[in-house]
N, C-alpha and C. Protein backbone atom coordinates (compact mmCIF):
# COMPACT_ATOMS: atom_id res chain seq x y z
N MET A 1 112.55 35.41 94.17
CA MET A 1 111.88 35.78 93.24
C MET A 1 112.64 35.71 92.05
N ALA A 2 113.89 36.23 92.23
CA ALA A 2 114.98 35.74 90.93
C ALA A 2 115.19 34.51 90.71
N ALA A 3 115.09 33.68 91.81
CA ALA A 3 115.22 32.08 91.58
C ALA A 3 114.31 31.62 90.66
N GLY A 4 113.37 32.44 90.51
CA GLY A 4 112.16 31.63 89.66
C GLY A 4 112.67 32.19 88.06
N LEU A 5 113.40 32.83 87.67
CA LEU A 5 113.65 33.45 86.48
C LEU A 5 114.56 32.46 86.02
N ALA A 6 114.19 32.02 84.63
CA ALA A 6 114.95 30.61 84.02
C ALA A 6 115.48 31.66 83.08
N LEU A 7 116.96 30.68 82.77
CA LEU A 7 117.90 31.46 81.94
C LEU A 7 117.34 31.02 80.35
N SER A 8 116.32 29.95 80.44
CA SER A 8 115.90 29.78 79.18
C SER A 8 115.11 30.77 78.50
N GLY A 9 114.84 31.94 79.10
CA GLY A 9 114.42 33.24 78.70
C GLY A 9 115.23 33.69 77.43
N CYS A 10 116.43 33.42 77.73
CA CYS A 10 117.59 34.24 76.96
C CYS A 10 117.34 33.45 75.37
N ALA A 11 117.02 32.28 75.38
CA ALA A 11 116.72 31.55 74.31
C ALA A 11 115.22 31.85 73.23
N THR A 12 114.41 32.12 74.16
CA THR A 12 113.06 32.17 73.65
C THR A 12 112.77 33.48 73.31
N GLY A 13 113.60 34.66 74.11
CA GLY A 13 113.44 36.06 73.87
C GLY A 13 112.11 36.64 74.33
N THR A 14 111.39 35.65 75.36
CA THR A 14 109.96 36.33 75.88
C THR A 14 110.42 37.54 76.89
N THR A 15 111.42 37.56 77.26
CA THR A 15 111.65 38.96 78.09
C THR A 15 112.83 39.38 77.78
N ALA A 16 113.06 39.75 76.51
CA ALA A 16 114.17 40.23 75.67
C ALA A 16 114.07 41.55 75.63
N THR A 17 114.74 42.21 75.69
CA THR A 17 115.48 43.60 75.58
C THR A 17 116.43 43.73 74.48
N GLN A 18 116.27 43.85 73.25
CA GLN A 18 117.45 43.96 72.38
C GLN A 18 117.76 45.01 71.87
N THR A 19 118.92 45.60 71.78
CA THR A 19 119.35 46.88 70.78
C THR A 19 120.35 46.55 69.88
N PRO A 20 119.61 47.01 68.63
CA PRO A 20 120.64 46.25 67.39
C PRO A 20 121.84 47.30 67.55
N VAL A 21 122.97 47.10 67.14
CA VAL A 21 124.27 47.72 66.84
C VAL A 21 124.40 48.10 65.47
N ALA A 22 124.69 49.05 65.11
CA ALA A 22 124.79 49.44 63.55
C ALA A 22 125.98 48.71 62.98
N SER A 23 125.77 48.09 61.91
CA SER A 23 126.90 47.15 61.16
C SER A 23 127.98 47.77 60.45
N ASN A 24 127.82 49.13 60.56
CA ASN A 24 129.02 50.03 60.02
C ASN A 24 129.87 50.51 60.97
N GLU A 25 129.58 50.16 62.23
CA GLU A 25 130.82 50.85 63.49
C GLU A 25 131.91 49.77 63.25
N PRO A 26 133.10 50.44 63.26
CA PRO A 26 134.26 49.73 63.23
C PRO A 26 134.59 48.93 64.65
N PRO A 27 135.19 47.91 64.47
CA PRO A 27 135.49 47.10 65.79
C PRO A 27 136.23 48.08 66.42
N PRO A 28 136.33 47.59 67.78
CA PRO A 28 137.37 48.09 68.91
C PRO A 28 138.84 47.77 68.30
N PRO A 29 139.80 48.74 68.92
CA PRO A 29 140.99 48.85 68.25
C PRO A 29 141.55 47.26 68.44
N PRO A 30 142.54 46.40 67.70
CA PRO A 30 143.11 45.21 68.32
C PRO A 30 143.88 45.43 69.63
N SER A 31 144.52 46.47 70.11
CA SER A 31 145.34 46.39 71.28
C SER A 31 144.23 46.44 72.50
N ALA A 32 143.23 46.61 72.26
CA ALA A 32 142.27 46.65 73.59
C ALA A 32 141.44 45.44 73.41
N ARG A 33 141.47 44.66 72.50
CA ARG A 33 140.49 43.40 72.25
C ARG A 33 140.70 42.02 72.71
N VAL A 34 142.12 41.64 72.74
CA VAL A 34 142.28 40.27 72.78
C VAL A 34 143.41 39.98 73.87
N SER A 35 143.10 39.11 74.95
CA SER A 35 144.11 38.81 75.95
C SER A 35 143.68 37.53 76.62
N ASP A 36 144.35 36.41 76.07
CA ASP A 36 144.22 35.16 76.37
C ASP A 36 143.20 34.43 75.99
N GLY A 37 142.75 34.96 74.76
CA GLY A 37 141.32 34.38 74.25
C GLY A 37 139.90 35.07 74.77
N GLU A 38 140.27 36.17 75.48
CA GLU A 38 139.18 37.08 76.03
C GLU A 38 139.57 38.65 75.48
N ARG A 39 138.67 39.53 75.30
CA ARG A 39 138.68 40.66 75.17
C ARG A 39 137.96 41.73 76.15
N GLU A 40 138.15 42.95 75.68
CA GLU A 40 137.45 43.95 76.71
C GLU A 40 136.10 44.23 75.47
N LEU A 41 135.14 44.49 76.34
CA LEU A 41 133.70 44.75 75.59
C LEU A 41 134.08 46.45 75.00
N ALA A 42 133.67 46.74 73.89
CA ALA A 42 133.56 47.94 73.36
C ALA A 42 132.65 48.59 73.96
N PRO A 43 132.66 50.06 73.75
CA PRO A 43 131.76 50.84 74.65
C PRO A 43 130.26 50.65 74.00
N GLN A 44 130.36 50.30 72.61
CA GLN A 44 128.83 50.02 72.35
C GLN A 44 128.19 48.91 72.52
N GLU A 45 129.18 47.83 72.90
CA GLU A 45 128.67 46.48 73.15
C GLU A 45 128.15 46.71 74.76
N LYS A 46 128.90 47.30 75.52
CA LYS A 46 128.35 47.71 76.89
C LYS A 46 127.29 47.98 76.88
N LYS A 47 126.62 49.05 76.17
CA LYS A 47 125.67 50.08 76.21
C LYS A 47 124.35 48.75 75.63
N VAL A 48 124.76 47.91 74.76
CA VAL A 48 123.69 46.85 74.69
C VAL A 48 123.38 46.02 75.60
N ILE A 49 124.32 45.61 76.41
CA ILE A 49 124.15 44.81 77.63
C ILE A 49 123.56 45.77 78.89
N MET A 50 123.84 46.95 78.95
CA MET A 50 123.15 47.88 79.83
C MET A 50 121.34 48.39 79.66
N ASP A 51 121.61 48.22 78.28
CA ASP A 51 119.99 48.31 77.90
C ASP A 51 119.23 47.02 78.21
N ALA A 52 119.90 45.94 78.32
CA ALA A 52 118.96 44.74 78.49
C ALA A 52 119.03 44.55 80.07
N ILE A 53 119.84 45.29 81.09
CA ILE A 53 119.83 45.07 82.37
C ILE A 53 118.88 46.19 82.98
N ASN A 54 119.16 47.49 82.45
CA ASN A 54 118.75 48.40 83.03
C ASN A 54 117.24 48.48 83.68
N PRO A 55 116.24 47.81 82.53
CA PRO A 55 114.79 47.95 83.13
C PRO A 55 114.48 47.09 84.38
N SER A 56 115.67 46.13 84.66
CA SER A 56 115.31 45.39 86.10
C SER A 56 115.93 46.26 87.27
N LEU A 57 116.47 47.50 87.10
CA LEU A 57 116.88 48.32 88.05
C LEU A 57 116.06 49.41 88.39
N ARG A 58 115.94 49.96 89.53
CA ARG A 58 115.21 50.85 90.36
C ARG A 58 115.79 52.35 89.61
N ASN A 59 117.10 52.50 89.76
CA ASN A 59 117.60 54.15 88.97
C ASN A 59 118.79 53.44 88.48
N PRO A 60 118.32 53.05 86.99
CA PRO A 60 119.51 52.87 86.34
C PRO A 60 120.67 53.81 86.12
N ALA A 61 120.36 55.05 85.95
CA ALA A 61 121.21 56.20 85.75
C ALA A 61 122.58 56.07 86.99
N SER A 62 121.95 55.71 88.00
CA SER A 62 123.34 55.59 89.07
C SER A 62 123.93 54.10 89.32
N ALA A 63 123.52 53.52 88.27
CA ALA A 63 124.29 52.07 88.56
C ALA A 63 125.77 52.23 87.97
N LYS A 64 126.53 51.21 88.81
CA LYS A 64 128.01 51.12 88.29
C LYS A 64 128.23 49.95 87.98
N TYR A 65 128.66 49.41 86.68
CA TYR A 65 128.76 48.33 85.93
C TYR A 65 129.98 47.67 86.13
N ARG A 66 130.34 46.83 86.61
CA ARG A 66 131.78 46.05 86.53
C ARG A 66 131.69 45.05 85.50
N TRP A 67 132.50 45.20 84.65
CA TRP A 67 132.43 44.28 83.41
C TRP A 67 133.71 43.15 83.31
N ALA A 68 133.36 42.10 83.22
CA ALA A 68 134.11 40.78 82.89
C ALA A 68 134.56 40.98 81.30
N LYS A 69 135.76 39.96 81.05
CA LYS A 69 136.22 39.79 79.70
C LYS A 69 135.19 39.03 78.76
N PHE A 70 135.22 39.14 77.79
CA PHE A 70 134.09 38.71 76.91
C PHE A 70 135.10 37.71 75.68
N PRO A 71 134.46 36.51 75.38
CA PRO A 71 135.36 35.40 74.51
C PRO A 71 135.66 36.18 73.06
N ALA A 72 136.99 36.13 72.85
CA ALA A 72 137.57 36.64 71.60
C ALA A 72 137.08 36.06 70.58
N VAL A 73 136.63 34.52 70.52
CA VAL A 73 136.20 34.04 69.58
C VAL A 73 135.04 33.09 70.01
N VAL A 74 133.75 33.42 69.64
CA VAL A 74 132.53 33.05 69.74
C VAL A 74 131.93 31.78 68.76
N ASN A 75 131.48 30.63 69.50
CA ASN A 75 131.26 29.39 68.89
C ASN A 75 130.03 28.78 68.98
N GLU A 76 129.09 29.76 69.88
CA GLU A 76 127.64 29.41 70.15
C GLU A 76 127.02 30.70 70.16
N ASP A 77 125.54 30.54 69.84
CA ASP A 77 124.67 31.36 69.90
C ASP A 77 123.50 31.42 70.58
N PRO A 78 123.10 32.13 71.71
CA PRO A 78 123.75 33.10 72.18
C PRO A 78 124.97 32.76 73.23
N VAL A 79 125.61 33.88 73.20
CA VAL A 79 126.83 33.65 74.20
C VAL A 79 126.43 33.87 75.71
N ASN A 80 126.84 33.33 76.38
CA ASN A 80 126.42 33.56 78.14
C ASN A 80 127.34 34.49 78.48
N TYR A 81 127.06 35.51 79.22
CA TYR A 81 128.04 36.53 79.67
C TYR A 81 127.54 36.73 81.34
N CYS A 82 128.41 36.71 81.92
CA CYS A 82 127.97 37.18 83.68
C CYS A 82 128.92 38.28 84.01
N ALA A 83 128.65 39.32 85.03
CA ALA A 83 129.36 40.31 85.61
C ALA A 83 128.65 40.62 86.61
N THR A 84 128.85 41.93 86.97
CA THR A 84 128.03 42.74 88.37
C THR A 84 127.85 43.91 87.93
N VAL A 85 126.69 44.55 88.69
CA VAL A 85 126.21 45.80 88.71
C VAL A 85 126.30 46.26 90.25
N ASP A 86 126.60 47.42 90.70
CA ASP A 86 126.30 48.10 91.92
C ASP A 86 125.00 48.96 91.44
N ALA A 87 123.88 48.72 92.10
CA ALA A 87 122.58 49.53 91.69
C ALA A 87 121.49 49.35 92.93
N GLN A 88 120.50 49.99 92.50
CA GLN A 88 119.53 49.73 93.41
C GLN A 88 118.57 48.65 92.78
N SER A 89 117.74 47.97 93.34
CA SER A 89 116.90 47.00 93.01
C SER A 89 115.52 47.27 93.21
N PRO A 90 114.49 46.81 92.45
CA PRO A 90 113.27 47.07 92.89
C PRO A 90 112.85 46.60 94.30
N TYR A 91 113.33 45.24 94.49
CA TYR A 91 113.55 44.57 95.67
C TYR A 91 114.67 45.00 96.62
N ALA A 92 114.02 45.49 97.87
CA ALA A 92 115.38 46.10 98.73
C ALA A 92 116.46 45.36 99.12
N ALA A 93 116.12 44.02 99.48
CA ALA A 93 116.76 42.91 99.64
C ALA A 93 118.11 42.90 98.70
N TYR A 94 117.90 43.33 97.48
CA TYR A 94 118.93 43.15 96.41
C TYR A 94 119.85 44.46 96.01
N ASN A 95 119.45 45.40 96.85
CA ASN A 95 120.19 46.56 96.60
C ASN A 95 121.91 46.55 96.68
N GLY A 96 122.72 47.05 96.06
CA GLY A 96 124.03 46.96 96.21
C GLY A 96 124.75 46.01 95.11
N ARG A 97 125.51 45.21 95.10
CA ARG A 97 126.04 44.64 94.54
C ARG A 97 125.20 43.31 93.81
N GLN A 98 124.95 43.49 92.63
CA GLN A 98 123.96 42.34 92.03
C GLN A 98 124.76 41.55 90.67
N ALA A 99 124.38 40.26 90.65
CA ALA A 99 125.16 39.42 89.49
C ALA A 99 124.32 39.14 88.72
N TYR A 100 124.76 39.23 87.44
CA TYR A 100 123.54 38.97 86.19
C TYR A 100 124.21 38.08 85.13
N ILE A 101 123.41 37.64 84.37
CA ILE A 101 123.59 36.34 83.25
C ILE A 101 123.14 37.12 82.43
N ILE A 102 123.58 37.05 81.27
CA ILE A 102 122.80 37.43 79.83
C ILE A 102 123.11 36.76 78.65
N GLY A 103 122.28 36.27 77.81
CA GLY A 103 122.68 35.93 76.67
C GLY A 103 122.54 36.91 75.67
N ALA A 104 124.01 37.02 74.89
CA ALA A 104 124.30 37.82 74.25
C ALA A 104 124.62 37.37 72.65
N THR A 105 123.87 37.78 71.61
CA THR A 105 123.82 37.51 70.46
C THR A 105 125.13 38.29 69.80
N VAL A 106 125.97 37.54 68.88
CA VAL A 106 127.00 38.17 68.50
C VAL A 106 127.03 38.30 66.68
N VAL A 107 127.17 39.44 66.30
CA VAL A 107 127.04 39.51 64.94
C VAL A 107 128.59 40.13 64.35
N GLY A 108 129.26 39.74 63.49
CA GLY A 108 130.31 40.39 63.22
C GLY A 108 131.42 40.61 64.11
N GLY A 109 131.40 39.69 65.11
CA GLY A 109 132.51 39.65 65.90
C GLY A 109 132.09 40.73 67.31
N ARG A 110 130.96 41.36 67.04
CA ARG A 110 130.71 42.23 68.36
C ARG A 110 129.08 41.61 68.71
N VAL A 111 128.66 42.09 70.25
CA VAL A 111 127.79 42.06 70.85
C VAL A 111 126.79 42.80 70.24
N SER A 112 125.55 42.21 69.32
CA SER A 112 124.65 42.92 68.98
C SER A 112 123.23 43.09 69.52
N SER A 113 122.92 42.27 70.49
CA SER A 113 121.78 42.51 71.23
C SER A 113 122.06 41.62 72.50
N ALA A 114 121.25 41.60 73.50
CA ALA A 114 121.42 41.08 74.69
C ALA A 114 120.06 40.60 75.40
N VAL A 115 120.08 39.46 75.91
CA VAL A 115 118.45 39.11 76.82
C VAL A 115 118.86 39.02 77.94
N LEU A 116 118.36 39.75 79.16
CA LEU A 116 118.80 39.25 80.43
C LEU A 116 118.10 38.20 80.85
N GLY A 117 118.81 37.08 81.36
CA GLY A 117 118.48 35.88 82.11
C GLY A 117 117.91 35.54 83.42
N LEU A 118 118.93 36.44 84.34
CA LEU A 118 118.93 36.36 85.68
C LEU A 118 119.89 37.39 86.25
N ILE A 119 118.99 38.23 87.30
CA ILE A 119 119.86 39.20 88.07
C ILE A 119 119.51 38.87 89.35
N ALA A 120 120.33 39.06 90.51
CA ALA A 120 120.05 38.91 91.83
C ALA A 120 121.30 39.17 92.52
N GLY A 121 120.84 40.06 93.79
CA GLY A 121 121.85 40.45 94.98
C GLY A 121 121.56 40.14 95.91
N GLY A 122 122.60 40.59 97.18
CA GLY A 122 122.06 39.95 98.75
C GLY A 122 122.09 38.61 98.71
N LYS A 123 121.48 37.85 99.24
CA LYS A 123 121.64 36.46 99.66
C LYS A 123 121.43 35.60 98.17
N ASP A 124 120.94 36.05 97.39
CA ASP A 124 120.24 35.27 96.20
C ASP A 124 121.72 35.54 94.96
N PHE A 125 122.79 36.51 95.37
CA PHE A 125 123.93 36.62 94.40
C PHE A 125 124.66 35.16 94.19
N ALA A 126 124.56 34.40 95.05
CA ALA A 126 125.15 32.85 95.12
C ALA A 126 124.32 32.27 93.87
N ILE A 127 123.01 32.30 93.69
CA ILE A 127 122.23 31.65 92.75
C ILE A 127 122.64 32.15 91.27
N VAL A 128 122.69 33.29 91.20
CA VAL A 128 123.30 33.83 89.93
C VAL A 128 124.88 33.03 89.51
N ALA A 129 125.75 33.46 90.66
CA ALA A 129 126.99 32.66 90.50
C ALA A 129 127.17 31.04 90.13
N ASN A 130 126.16 30.54 90.61
CA ASN A 130 126.19 29.18 90.51
C ASN A 130 125.66 28.78 88.81
N MET A 131 124.55 29.57 88.57
CA MET A 131 123.93 29.60 87.19
C MET A 131 125.38 29.75 86.09
N CYS A 132 126.02 30.86 86.49
CA CYS A 132 127.15 31.29 85.87
C CYS A 132 128.27 30.04 85.65
N ALA A 133 128.32 29.60 86.80
CA ALA A 133 129.59 28.47 86.94
C ALA A 133 129.25 27.25 85.89
N LYS A 134 127.95 27.14 85.82
CA LYS A 134 127.57 25.80 84.85
C LYS A 134 127.84 26.35 83.55
N TYR A 135 128.47 27.50 82.89
CA TYR A 135 128.85 27.92 81.92
C TYR A 135 130.49 28.48 81.89
N GLY A 136 130.99 28.06 83.18
CA GLY A 136 132.43 28.24 83.27
C GLY A 136 132.68 29.64 83.35
N LEU A 137 131.98 30.49 83.76
CA LEU A 137 131.81 31.86 84.22
C LEU A 137 131.63 32.19 85.49
N ASP A 138 132.27 33.32 85.85
CA ASP A 138 132.41 33.68 87.40
C ASP A 138 132.09 35.39 87.58
N PRO A 139 130.80 35.79 87.89
CA PRO A 139 130.81 37.17 88.10
C PRO A 139 131.67 37.84 88.92
N LYS A 140 132.16 37.25 89.57
CA LYS A 140 133.24 37.79 90.83
C LYS A 140 134.61 38.20 89.79
N ASN A 141 134.60 37.89 88.82
CA ASN A 141 135.72 38.22 87.87
C ASN A 141 135.62 39.56 87.19
N SER A 142 134.52 40.30 87.47
CA SER A 142 134.26 41.66 86.56
C SER A 142 135.12 42.60 87.42
N SER A 143 135.43 43.79 86.71
CA SER A 143 136.05 44.86 87.61
C SER A 143 135.78 46.10 86.68
């Protein structure tokens, strides 16, 4: 089922779940932002991503997200982002650790909206990992 989802949904927005971020919020502290061209996501950015993924989970309140670093400088729109979530899926075979890829829109240096491209666990975890690899990303790098 997950293999049938196309990342192109990120660009078209047909399966979009977008959560705007208020433009008057301050950026995260510089000490927490940049490390080797990558930075930690701010709490509000994580919420935007979770809001895009949660509808695909069976019990989002019990989900445990693992976060990968995000590019400190963004040169494309949307930005592809991959990480993992430990959660219940509507499909029992996917319960547990699931990899996901989202397309994130960045405004003012912060993730302002996110669209889920693909999420899968179980034996299909590798499908998402391979999709992420096409963008130089690895969901296994999330912590």
